[in-house]
Amino acid sequence: MPPLTRRLFRMLSLHIDGFLLACATILILVGLAVLYSAADQNAAKVVSQIINITIACIVMWTIANIPPHQLLRFALPLYVAGLLLLIGVALFGEISNGARRWLNIGITRIQPSELMKIAVPLMLAWYFDRHEAMLSLKNYAFAALFLLVPVLLIARQPDLGTAILIASSGFFVILLAGLDWKILLGLFVSGLASLPVLWSVLHDYQKQRLLTLIDPSQDPLGAGYHTIQSMIAVGSGGIAGKGWLHGTQAHLDFLPEHTTDFIFAVFSEEFGLIGNFFLLIMYSLVIGRGISIAAEAPTLFSRLMAGSITLTFFTYCFVNMGMVSGILPVVGVPLPLISYGGTSMVTMLLGFGILMSIHTHKKLVKT
């Protein structure tokens, strides 16, 4: 390798975590193969996803080269901007399929809720880092308020799936900041007591999703259709699967949203239990690496961010696989690094970029 090329390679890879990048690359390649099959061998769809991946990789590399203390400066402005955009959606957003989630800014449409997936945990980690020396119950109450406002705005759109993910990412920051288990127990009991109230504010289709979870067969051609078809696809894969490009549920158009939310069902049908085991191993490696980075992080801010990103990644995996397998209601959560879509890919790799920044910018401590 020529010296100039070698120096360029070193510069580009200086703040890239090789293990995390290798795991992400394997999952992305698997995703492209499954997408090609799920999209009925539509090469244009795969090319479009490759463009999404390229943009996401550029974002990941850029964020990985920004030190964590500089990321800290973006926390408050990013949160405030996201909150204002969410209010803009509530007042002026475009309605599509009965939901008001998009904001037209002239040159394009944006979905501000996606921005909050990073802005909320960043804001909470910044807040706890500023008050690290004297954390009290008041600080946790303020943090809960910072989390609750955007979550309620997003749930009102309605976008229950995104609201759950953002609530999870924020809750993980509050939990990792040292929230007392007695308070957690009290919140759990209060949550159970408020279930009747929460049920009364849910939209009819959201109530139907929960009822369908208990018994999908009560509406097999309506609310239960997604769950029934995805369970058939997962079960028909057996031990070794039907083979790549040989799945039937997606190719015969029985399986809905088979390139996005339900792509795991396509994967399960074609690669079976063995393929699912491999996928779980890869996801476990990513989660394990994230936990390791969080444990070694030198500051409270970096520990909270790394822990939140890792646990949120786990939540994505668990909710999507549980939804497809019929153990959780359908909430529209993509399978990380596998599902088709630019926004989810950029969000995932942006999170990986933050993990890499935290790991590669660690200060050396003399022993």
Protein backbone atom coordinates (compact mmCIF):
# COMPACT_ATOMS: atom_id res chain seq x y z
CA MET A 1 0.00 0.00 0.00
CA PRO A 2 1.50 3.41 -0.99
CA PRO A 3 2.44 5.70 1.96
CA LEU A 4 -0.11 8.35 0.98
CA THR A 5 -2.90 5.77 0.83
CA ARG A 6 -1.77 4.32 4.14
CA ARG A 7 -1.85 7.74 5.83
CA LEU A 8 -5.29 8.45 4.37
CA PHE A 9 -6.60 5.09 5.62
CA ARG A 10 -5.22 5.74 9.11
CA MET A 11 -6.80 9.18 9.19
CA LEU A 12 -10.21 7.85 8.11
CA SER A 13 -10.15 4.94 10.58
CA LEU A 14 -8.61 6.81 13.54
CA HIS A 15 -11.88 7.12 15.46
CA ILE A 16 -13.64 4.04 14.10
CA ASP A 17 -14.16 1.04 16.39
CA GLY A 18 -13.25 -1.97 14.26
CA PHE A 19 -15.33 -4.52 16.14
CA LEU A 20 -18.49 -2.42 16.10
CA LEU A 21 -17.98 -1.58 12.43
CA ALA A 22 -17.46 -5.26 11.53
CA CYS A 23 -20.68 -6.31 13.30
CA ALA A 24 -22.64 -3.48 11.66
CA THR A 25 -21.23 -4.39 8.24
CA ILE A 26 -22.26 -8.04 8.58
CA LEU A 27 -25.79 -7.07 9.65
CA ILE A 28 -26.09 -4.53 6.81
CA LEU A 29 -24.97 -7.12 4.22
CA VAL A 30 -27.49 -9.60 5.61
CA GLY A 31 -30.11 -6.88 5.39
CA LEU A 32 -29.33 -6.18 1.73
CA ALA A 33 -29.61 -9.89 0.88
CA VAL A 34 -32.96 -10.21 2.68
CA LEU A 35 -34.21 -6.96 1.14
CA TYR A 36 -33.40 -8.25 -2.36
CA SER A 37 -35.58 -11.28 -1.68
CA ALA A 38 -38.33 -9.39 0.17
CA ALA A 39 -38.56 -6.82 -2.64
CA ASP A 40 -39.09 -9.59 -5.25
CA GLN A 41 -35.51 -9.22 -6.53
CA ASN A 42 -36.00 -5.53 -7.23
CA ALA A 43 -32.45 -4.24 -7.73
CA ALA A 44 -33.58 -0.60 -7.63
CA LYS A 45 -34.82 -1.06 -4.07
CA VAL A 46 -31.44 -2.47 -3.05
CA VAL A 47 -29.58 0.38 -4.77
CA SER A 48 -31.79 2.87 -2.93
CA GLN A 49 -30.91 1.19 0.37
CA ILE A 50 -27.19 1.27 -0.52
CA ILE A 51 -27.52 5.04 -0.99
CA ASN A 52 -29.19 5.23 2.44
CA ILE A 53 -26.35 3.19 3.94
CA THR A 54 -23.71 5.41 2.32
CA ILE A 55 -25.28 8.55 3.77
CA ALA A 56 -25.61 6.85 7.18
CA CYS A 57 -21.94 5.78 7.11
CA ILE A 58 -20.84 9.35 6.36
CA VAL A 59 -22.93 10.55 9.33
CA MET A 60 -21.42 7.82 11.53
CA TRP A 61 -17.84 8.72 10.55
CA THR A 62 -18.49 12.44 11.09
CA ILE A 63 -19.98 11.92 14.56
CA ALA A 64 -17.23 9.46 15.52
CA ASN A 65 -14.65 12.18 14.90
CA ILE A 66 -16.39 14.70 17.19
CA PRO A 67 -15.17 14.40 20.81
CA PRO A 68 -17.89 13.71 23.41
CA HIS A 69 -17.33 17.06 25.16
CA GLN A 70 -18.21 18.83 21.90
CA LEU A 71 -21.30 16.65 21.41
CA LEU A 72 -22.32 17.91 24.84
CA ARG A 73 -22.66 21.44 23.43
CA PHE A 74 -25.28 20.35 20.91
CA ALA A 75 -27.58 18.78 23.54
CA LEU A 76 -29.69 21.78 24.56
CA PRO A 77 -29.96 23.47 21.09
CA LEU A 78 -30.86 20.16 19.45
CA TYR A 79 -33.52 19.39 22.06
CA VAL A 80 -35.09 22.86 21.86
CA ALA A 81 -35.07 22.75 18.04
CA GLY A 82 -36.70 19.32 18.06
CA LEU A 83 -39.34 20.45 20.55
CA LEU A 84 -40.19 23.51 18.43
CA LEU A 85 -40.47 21.32 15.34
CA LEU A 86 -42.81 18.94 17.18
CA ILE A 87 -45.00 21.88 18.17
CA GLY A 88 -44.89 22.96 14.52
CA VAL A 89 -46.10 19.49 13.50
CA ALA A 90 -48.98 19.71 16.00
CA LEU A 91 -50.03 23.11 14.62
CA PHE A 92 -49.17 22.95 10.92
CA GLY A 93 -48.15 19.36 10.15
CA GLU A 94 -49.38 17.43 7.11
CA ILE A 95 -51.92 14.68 7.71
CA SER A 96 -51.19 11.35 6.03
CA ASN A 97 -53.11 8.10 6.70
CA GLY A 98 -54.85 9.73 9.65
CA ALA A 99 -51.62 10.80 11.36
CA ARG A 100 -49.99 14.23 11.60
CA ARG A 101 -46.27 13.39 11.67
CA TRP A 102 -44.64 15.40 8.88
CA LEU A 103 -43.71 19.07 8.62
CA ASN A 104 -43.30 20.76 5.25
CA ILE A 105 -40.38 23.23 5.39
CA GLY A 106 -40.58 24.30 1.75
CA ILE A 107 -37.78 22.33 0.13
CA THR A 108 -38.72 19.01 1.71
CA ARG A 109 -40.79 17.26 4.38
CA ILE A 110 -39.21 16.27 7.70
CA GLN A 111 -40.32 14.01 10.54
CA PRO A 112 -39.11 15.77 13.72
CA SER A 113 -39.87 12.76 15.93
CA GLU A 114 -36.85 10.99 14.40
CA LEU A 115 -34.58 13.82 15.55
CA MET A 116 -35.79 13.31 19.13
CA LYS A 117 -34.50 9.74 19.20
CA ILE A 118 -31.03 11.24 19.64
CA ALA A 119 -31.94 14.67 21.06
CA VAL A 120 -33.82 13.35 24.12
CA PRO A 121 -31.11 11.04 25.54
CA LEU A 122 -28.47 13.66 24.63
CA MET A 123 -30.39 16.32 26.55
CA LEU A 124 -30.94 14.11 29.60
CA ALA A 125 -27.29 13.01 29.67
CA TRP A 126 -26.24 16.69 29.45
CA TYR A 127 -28.61 17.62 32.30
CA PHE A 128 -27.38 14.88 34.64
CA ASP A 129 -23.75 15.67 33.78
CA ARG A 130 -24.30 19.32 34.80
CA HIS A 131 -25.83 18.27 38.15
CA GLU A 132 -23.59 15.25 38.82
CA ALA A 133 -22.23 16.62 42.10
CA MET A 134 -25.62 16.99 43.80
CA LEU A 135 -28.27 14.80 42.19
CA SER A 136 -31.56 14.89 44.07
CA LEU A 137 -35.15 13.80 43.56
CA LYS A 138 -35.86 17.24 42.06
CA ASN A 139 -33.33 16.57 39.28
CA TYR A 140 -35.00 13.28 38.39
CA ALA A 141 -38.38 15.04 38.34
CA PHE A 142 -37.08 17.67 35.90
CA ALA A 143 -35.51 14.94 33.76
CA ALA A 144 -38.84 13.11 33.66
CA LEU A 145 -40.49 16.35 32.50
CA PHE A 146 -37.89 16.81 29.74
CA LEU A 147 -38.74 13.29 28.60
CA LEU A 148 -42.52 13.46 29.00
CA VAL A 149 -43.14 16.58 26.88
CA PRO A 150 -41.77 15.25 23.55
CA VAL A 151 -43.16 11.76 24.19
CA LEU A 152 -46.68 13.14 24.66
CA LEU A 153 -46.36 15.35 21.57
CA ILE A 154 -45.30 12.35 19.48
CA ALA A 155 -47.94 10.02 20.94
CA ARG A 156 -50.55 12.66 20.06
CA GLN A 157 -49.64 12.56 16.33
CA PRO A 158 -50.30 9.57 16.81
CA ASP A 159 -47.03 7.62 16.53
CA LEU A 160 -47.03 5.11 19.35
CA GLY A 161 -44.00 3.14 18.12
CA THR A 162 -41.69 6.17 18.01
CA ALA A 163 -43.09 7.46 21.32
CA ILE A 164 -42.26 4.13 22.99
CA LEU A 165 -38.70 4.14 21.60
CA ILE A 166 -38.03 7.72 22.71
CA ALA A 167 -39.58 7.03 26.13
CA SER A 168 -37.31 3.98 26.45
CA SER A 169 -34.15 5.87 25.44
CA GLY A 170 -34.89 8.63 27.95
CA PHE A 171 -35.87 6.21 30.70
CA PHE A 172 -32.58 4.34 30.27
CA VAL A 173 -30.64 7.58 30.85
CA ILE A 174 -32.65 8.34 34.02
CA LEU A 175 -32.19 4.75 35.22
CA LEU A 176 -28.43 4.72 34.57
CA ALA A 177 -28.08 8.08 36.34
CA GLY A 178 -28.84 6.26 39.59
CA LEU A 179 -32.61 6.39 40.07
CA ASP A 180 -33.47 4.63 43.33
CA TRP A 181 -35.18 1.25 42.98
CA LYS A 182 -37.88 2.31 45.48
CA ILE A 183 -38.90 5.12 43.13
CA LEU A 184 -38.90 2.64 40.25
CA LEU A 185 -41.19 0.35 42.21
CA GLY A 186 -43.50 3.27 42.98
CA LEU A 187 -43.59 4.27 39.31
CA PHE A 188 -44.40 0.69 38.32
CA VAL A 189 -47.30 0.50 40.78
CA SER A 190 -48.54 3.94 39.65
CA GLY A 191 -48.32 2.78 36.03
CA LEU A 192 -50.47 -0.25 36.77
CA ALA A 193 -53.00 1.93 38.60
CA SER A 194 -53.20 4.35 35.65
CA LEU A 195 -53.86 1.66 33.03
CA PRO A 196 -57.63 2.38 32.92
CA VAL A 197 -56.90 6.06 32.26
CA LEU A 198 -54.31 5.23 29.59
CA TRP A 199 -56.77 2.86 27.94
CA SER A 200 -59.38 5.62 27.73
CA VAL A 201 -57.02 7.97 25.84
CA LEU A 202 -55.84 5.40 23.29
CA HIS A 203 -57.14 5.65 19.73
CA ASP A 204 -59.52 2.92 18.58
CA TYR A 205 -56.94 1.32 16.29
CA GLN A 206 -54.41 1.23 19.16
CA LYS A 207 -56.95 -0.50 21.41
CA GLN A 208 -57.65 -2.98 18.62
CA ARG A 209 -53.94 -3.77 18.32
CA LEU A 210 -53.75 -4.67 21.99
CA LEU A 211 -56.92 -6.80 21.83
CA THR A 212 -55.61 -8.50 18.71
CA LEU A 213 -52.41 -9.40 20.56
CA ILE A 214 -54.47 -11.54 22.94
CA ASP A 215 -56.42 -13.25 20.17
CA PRO A 216 -55.42 -12.42 16.55
CA SER A 217 -58.05 -14.82 15.20
CA GLN A 218 -60.91 -12.56 16.34
CA ASP A 219 -60.24 -10.37 13.28
CA PRO A 220 -58.13 -12.48 10.87
CA LEU A 221 -58.72 -10.23 7.84
CA GLY A 222 -58.46 -6.95 9.73
CA ALA A 223 -56.46 -6.01 12.81
CA GLY A 224 -55.16 -9.56 13.30
CA TYR A 225 -53.97 -10.02 9.71
CA HIS A 226 -50.43 -8.70 10.20
CA THR A 227 -49.80 -10.83 13.28
CA ILE A 228 -51.26 -14.03 11.81
CA GLN A 229 -49.33 -13.79 8.53
CA SER A 230 -46.03 -12.95 10.22
CA MET A 231 -46.42 -15.87 12.66
CA ILE A 232 -47.13 -18.21 9.74
CA ALA A 233 -43.98 -16.98 7.97
CA VAL A 234 -41.79 -17.38 11.07
CA GLY A 235 -43.15 -20.86 11.81
CA SER A 236 -42.94 -22.12 8.23
CA GLY A 237 -39.18 -21.52 8.16
CA GLY A 238 -38.57 -24.51 10.44
CA ILE A 239 -35.01 -25.33 11.48
CA ALA A 240 -33.04 -24.50 8.33
CA GLY A 241 -35.52 -22.33 6.41
CA LYS A 242 -36.82 -22.58 2.86
CA GLY A 243 -33.70 -21.02 1.38
CA TRP A 244 -32.84 -17.57 0.08
CA LEU A 245 -35.38 -16.27 -2.47
CA HIS A 246 -37.65 -19.25 -1.78
CA GLY A 247 -39.96 -17.79 0.85
CA THR A 248 -43.65 -17.82 -0.03
CA GLN A 249 -45.46 -15.52 2.41
CA ALA A 250 -43.76 -12.36 1.15
CA HIS A 251 -43.46 -13.37 -2.51
CA LEU A 252 -47.15 -14.21 -2.72
CA ASP A 253 -48.01 -10.92 -0.99
CA PHE A 254 -49.54 -12.49 2.10
CA LEU A 255 -47.05 -10.72 4.37
CA PRO A 256 -47.60 -6.95 4.74
CA GLU A 257 -44.76 -4.40 4.99
CA HIS A 258 -42.30 -7.17 4.15
CA THR A 259 -39.39 -4.84 3.33
CA THR A 260 -39.72 -2.70 6.47
CA ASP A 261 -41.40 -3.60 9.77
CA PHE A 262 -41.94 -7.30 8.95
CA ILE A 263 -38.66 -8.10 7.21
CA PHE A 264 -37.73 -10.36 10.13
CA ALA A 265 -40.58 -12.67 9.08
CA VAL A 266 -39.04 -12.90 5.59
CA PHE A 267 -35.65 -13.68 7.11
CA SER A 268 -37.13 -16.32 9.44
CA GLU A 269 -38.99 -18.06 6.62
CA GLU A 270 -35.94 -18.24 4.37
CA PHE A 271 -33.20 -18.96 6.94
CA GLY A 272 -35.15 -20.66 9.73
CA LEU A 273 -34.14 -21.14 13.34
CA ILE A 274 -30.44 -21.39 12.43
CA GLY A 275 -30.56 -18.02 10.71
CA ASN A 276 -32.41 -16.47 13.64
CA PHE A 277 -29.79 -17.82 16.03
CA PHE A 278 -27.05 -16.23 13.92
CA LEU A 279 -28.93 -12.91 13.89
CA LEU A 280 -29.34 -13.01 17.68
CA ILE A 281 -25.60 -13.67 18.09
CA MET A 282 -24.73 -10.65 15.91
CA TYR A 283 -27.13 -8.39 17.81
CA SER A 284 -25.77 -9.70 21.12
CA LEU A 285 -22.22 -8.86 20.02
CA VAL A 286 -23.26 -5.29 19.20
CA ILE A 287 -25.06 -4.93 22.54
CA GLY A 288 -22.13 -6.46 24.42
CA ARG A 289 -19.70 -4.06 22.74
CA GLY A 290 -21.94 -1.12 23.61
CA ILE A 291 -22.11 -2.17 27.26
CA SER A 292 -18.32 -2.52 27.32
CA ILE A 293 -17.89 0.99 25.91
CA ALA A 294 -20.35 2.37 28.48
CA ALA A 295 -18.53 0.63 31.34
CA GLU A 296 -15.17 2.10 30.27
CA ALA A 297 -16.46 5.61 29.52
CA PRO A 298 -14.56 8.28 31.52
CA THR A 299 -17.40 10.76 32.24
CA LEU A 300 -20.98 10.57 33.42
CA PHE A 301 -22.23 12.10 30.15
CA SER A 302 -20.45 9.52 27.99
CA ARG A 303 -21.52 6.62 30.25
CA LEU A 304 -25.16 7.68 30.11
CA MET A 305 -25.11 8.20 26.33
CA ALA A 306 -23.35 4.90 25.61
CA GLY A 307 -25.66 2.99 27.95
CA SER A 308 -28.80 4.61 26.55
CA ILE A 309 -27.82 4.01 22.91
CA THR A 310 -26.99 0.36 23.63
CA LEU A 311 -30.19 -0.35 25.57
CA THR A 312 -32.29 1.49 22.98
CA PHE A 313 -30.72 -0.68 20.28
CA PHE A 314 -31.76 -3.71 22.33
CA THR A 315 -35.29 -2.27 22.59
CA TYR A 316 -35.49 -1.92 18.79
CA CYS A 317 -34.48 -5.57 18.34
CA PHE A 318 -36.77 -6.90 21.07
CA VAL A 319 -39.85 -4.91 20.03
CA ASN A 320 -39.53 -5.74 16.32
CA MET A 321 -38.88 -9.46 16.84
CA GLY A 322 -41.59 -9.65 19.50
CA MET A 323 -44.06 -7.86 17.23
CA VAL A 324 -43.35 -10.20 14.31
CA SER A 325 -43.48 -13.27 16.58
CA GLY A 326 -46.86 -12.28 18.02
CA ILE A 327 -45.78 -11.66 21.63
CA LEU A 328 -46.01 -7.85 21.35
CA PRO A 329 -48.57 -5.59 19.62
CA VAL A 330 -47.83 -4.19 16.17
CA VAL A 331 -46.31 -0.72 16.72
CA GLY A 332 -44.27 -0.11 13.56
CA VAL A 333 -40.65 -0.48 14.72
CA PRO A 334 -37.96 -1.39 12.13
CA LEU A 335 -35.45 -4.20 12.61
CA PRO A 336 -32.08 -2.45 13.20
CA LEU A 337 -29.72 -2.41 10.18
CA ILE A 338 -31.96 -4.88 8.32
CA SER A 339 -35.23 -3.10 7.50
CA TYR A 340 -35.46 -0.86 4.44
CA GLY A 341 -35.44 2.85 5.18
CA GLY A 342 -33.07 5.79 5.26
CA THR A 343 -34.21 7.43 8.49
CA SER A 344 -33.82 4.33 10.66
CA MET A 345 -30.43 3.51 9.10
CA VAL A 346 -29.10 7.03 9.72
CA THR A 347 -30.42 6.99 13.30
CA MET A 348 -28.80 3.62 14.03
CA LEU A 349 -25.39 4.48 12.58
CA LEU A 350 -25.46 7.94 14.16
CA GLY A 351 -25.81 6.13 17.48
CA PHE A 352 -22.89 3.87 16.54
CA GLY A 353 -20.88 7.01 15.71
CA ILE A 354 -21.50 8.35 19.22
CA LEU A 355 -20.37 5.02 20.71
CA MET A 356 -17.19 5.14 18.60
CA SER A 357 -16.54 8.74 19.62
CA ILE A 358 -16.89 7.84 23.30
CA HIS A 359 -14.57 4.84 22.95
CA THR A 360 -11.83 6.37 20.78
CA HIS A 361 -11.65 9.74 22.55
CA LYS A 362 -11.07 8.24 26.01
CA LYS A 363 -8.41 10.09 27.99
CA LEU A 364 -5.44 7.97 29.02
CA VAL A 365 -5.18 7.80 32.78
CA LYS A 366 -1.73 7.28 34.27
CA THR A 367 -1.49 4.46 36.75
